[in-house]
C-alpha atoms as a PDB file:
ATOM      1  CA  MET A   1      46.321 -57.811-160.232  1.00  0.00           C
ATOM      2  CA  ALA A   2      43.120 -59.551-160.470  1.00  0.00           C
ATOM      3  CA  LEU A   3      42.298 -61.478-163.854  1.00  0.00           C
ATOM      4  CA  TRP A   4      38.950 -62.339-163.229  1.00  0.00           C
ATOM      5  CA  LYS A   5      37.225 -60.673-159.768  1.00  0.00           C
ATOM      6  CA  VAL A   6      34.147 -61.473-158.037  1.00  0.00           C
ATOM      7  CA  LYS A   7      31.916 -58.749-156.562  1.00  0.00           C
ATOM      8  CA  THR A   8      28.465 -58.753-154.356  1.00  0.00           C
ATOM      9  CA  GLY A   9      26.146 -55.178-154.239  1.00  0.00           C
ATOM     10  CA  ASP A  10      23.560 -54.694-152.056  1.00  0.00           C
ATOM     11  CA  ASP A  11      21.026 -57.014-154.544  1.00  0.00           C
ATOM     12  CA  PHE A  12      23.819 -57.705-157.248  1.00  0.00           C
ATOM     13  CA  ILE A  13      26.722 -60.277-157.488  1.00  0.00           C
ATOM     14  CA  SER A  14      29.459 -60.422-160.216  1.00  0.00           C
ATOM     15  CA  PHE A  15      31.800 -63.098-161.418  1.00  0.00           C
ATOM     16  CA  GLY A  16      33.926 -61.339-163.965  1.00  0.00           C
ATOM     17  CA  GLU A  17      31.590 -59.361-166.807  1.00  0.00           C
ATOM     18  CA  GLU A  18      28.582 -61.697-165.963  1.00  0.00           C
ATOM     19  CA  THR A  19      25.573 -59.878-163.241  1.00  0.00           C
ATOM     20  CA  ARG A  20      23.358 -61.358-161.749  1.00  0.00           C
ATOM     21  CA  ARG A  21      20.853 -60.956-158.565  1.00  0.00           C
ATOM     22  CA  LYS A  22      21.822 -62.460-155.596  1.00  0.00           C
ATOM     23  CA  LEU A  23      20.236 -65.686-154.928  1.00  0.00           C
ATOM     24  CA  THR A  24      20.991 -64.872-151.105  1.00  0.00           C
ATOM     25  CA  PRO A  25      21.146 -61.502-149.186  1.00  0.00           C
ATOM     26  CA  SER A  26      25.117 -63.416-147.584  1.00  0.00           C
ATOM     27  CA  ALA A  27      25.895 -64.068-151.155  1.00  0.00           C
ATOM     28  CA  CYS A  28      26.404 -67.545-149.629  1.00  0.00           C
ATOM     29  CA  ASN A  29      27.116 -70.343-151.409  1.00  0.00           C
ATOM     30  CA  GLU A  30      25.590 -68.499-154.856  1.00  0.00           C
ATOM     31  CA  PRO A  31      25.655 -71.383-157.650  1.00  0.00           C
ATOM     32  CA  PHE A  32      27.917 -70.049-160.761  1.00  0.00           C
ATOM     33  CA  LYS A  33      29.283 -72.884-163.308  1.00  0.00           C
ATOM     34  CA  GLY A  34      28.893 -76.032-161.789  1.00  0.00           C
ATOM     35  CA  ARG A  35      31.253 -74.842-158.012  1.00  0.00           C
ATOM     36  CA  PHE A  36      29.482 -72.920-155.352  1.00  0.00           C
ATOM     37  CA  TRP A  37      31.269 -69.221-154.583  1.00  0.00           C
ATOM     38  CA  CYS A  38      32.418 -68.299-150.479  1.00  0.00           C
ATOM     39  CA  PRO A  39      32.739 -64.846-148.959  1.00  0.00           C
ATOM     40  CA  ARG A  40      34.709 -65.213-146.211  1.00  0.00           C
ATOM     41  CA  LYS A  41      37.896 -68.316-147.714  1.00  0.00           C
ATOM     42  CA  GLN A  42      37.140 -66.009-151.326  1.00  0.00           C
ATOM     43  CA  TRP A  43      36.776 -69.352-153.973  1.00  0.00           C
ATOM     44  CA  PHE A  44      34.408 -71.460-155.105  1.00  0.00           C
ATOM     45  CA  PHE A  45      33.912 -74.821-153.793  1.00  0.00           C
ATOM     46  CA  ARG A  46      32.783 -78.082-155.511  1.00  0.00           C
ATOM     47  CA  GLU A  47      30.052 -79.101-152.769  1.00  0.00           C
ATOM     48  CA  PRO A  48      28.221 -76.105-150.894  1.00  0.00           C
ATOM     49  CA  CYS A  49      28.723 -74.913-147.265  1.00  0.00           C
ATOM     50  CA  PRO A  50      26.710 -76.913-144.782  1.00  0.00           C
ATOM     51  CA  PHE A  51      25.721 -73.502-143.410  1.00  0.00           C
ATOM     52  CA  ILE A  52      23.019 -71.290-144.266  1.00  0.00           C
ATOM     53  CA  ASN A  53      24.629 -67.496-144.352  1.00  0.00           C
ATOM     54  CA  LYS A  54      27.327 -65.579-142.544  1.00  0.00           C
ATOM     55  CA  ARG A  55      26.710 -65.610-139.488  1.00  0.00           C
ATOM     56  CA  GLU A  56      26.172 -69.816-138.591  1.00  0.00           C
ATOM     57  CA  CYS A  57      29.637 -69.789-140.106  1.00  0.00           C
ATOM     58  CA  TYR A  58      31.104 -67.696-137.995  1.00  0.00           C
ATOM     59  CA  ASN A  59      29.539 -69.533-134.645  1.00  0.00           C
ATOM     60  CA  TYR A  60      30.859 -72.564-135.364  1.00  0.00           C
ATOM     61  CA  ARG A  61      33.860 -71.282-136.421  1.00  0.00           C
ATOM     62  CA  GLN A  62      33.803 -69.835-132.573  1.00  0.00           C
ATOM     63  CA  ILE A  63      32.152 -72.342-131.251  1.00  0.00           C
ATOM     64  CA  CYS A  64      35.645 -75.150-132.911  1.00  0.00           C
ATOM     65  CA  GLY A  65      37.890 -71.993-132.426  1.00  0.00           C
ATOM     66  CA  SER A  66      39.743 -71.806-135.947  1.00  0.00           C
ATOM     67  CA  TYR A  67      39.995 -68.911-138.264  1.00  0.00           C
END
């Protein structure tokens, strides 16, 4: 059972009870209270990801061989 969950929809993203319009279509690097959401890892990071979208992230992982 999750205590706090991040959910994404077509145009919206929810951080627990707070819902707002997504800034990017892929929901990558969505800012929330000084942290940035990564949909691939399902976690927050202190700095934004260097990749523009999920596809760029996927291509990098394929080239480097890391999953």
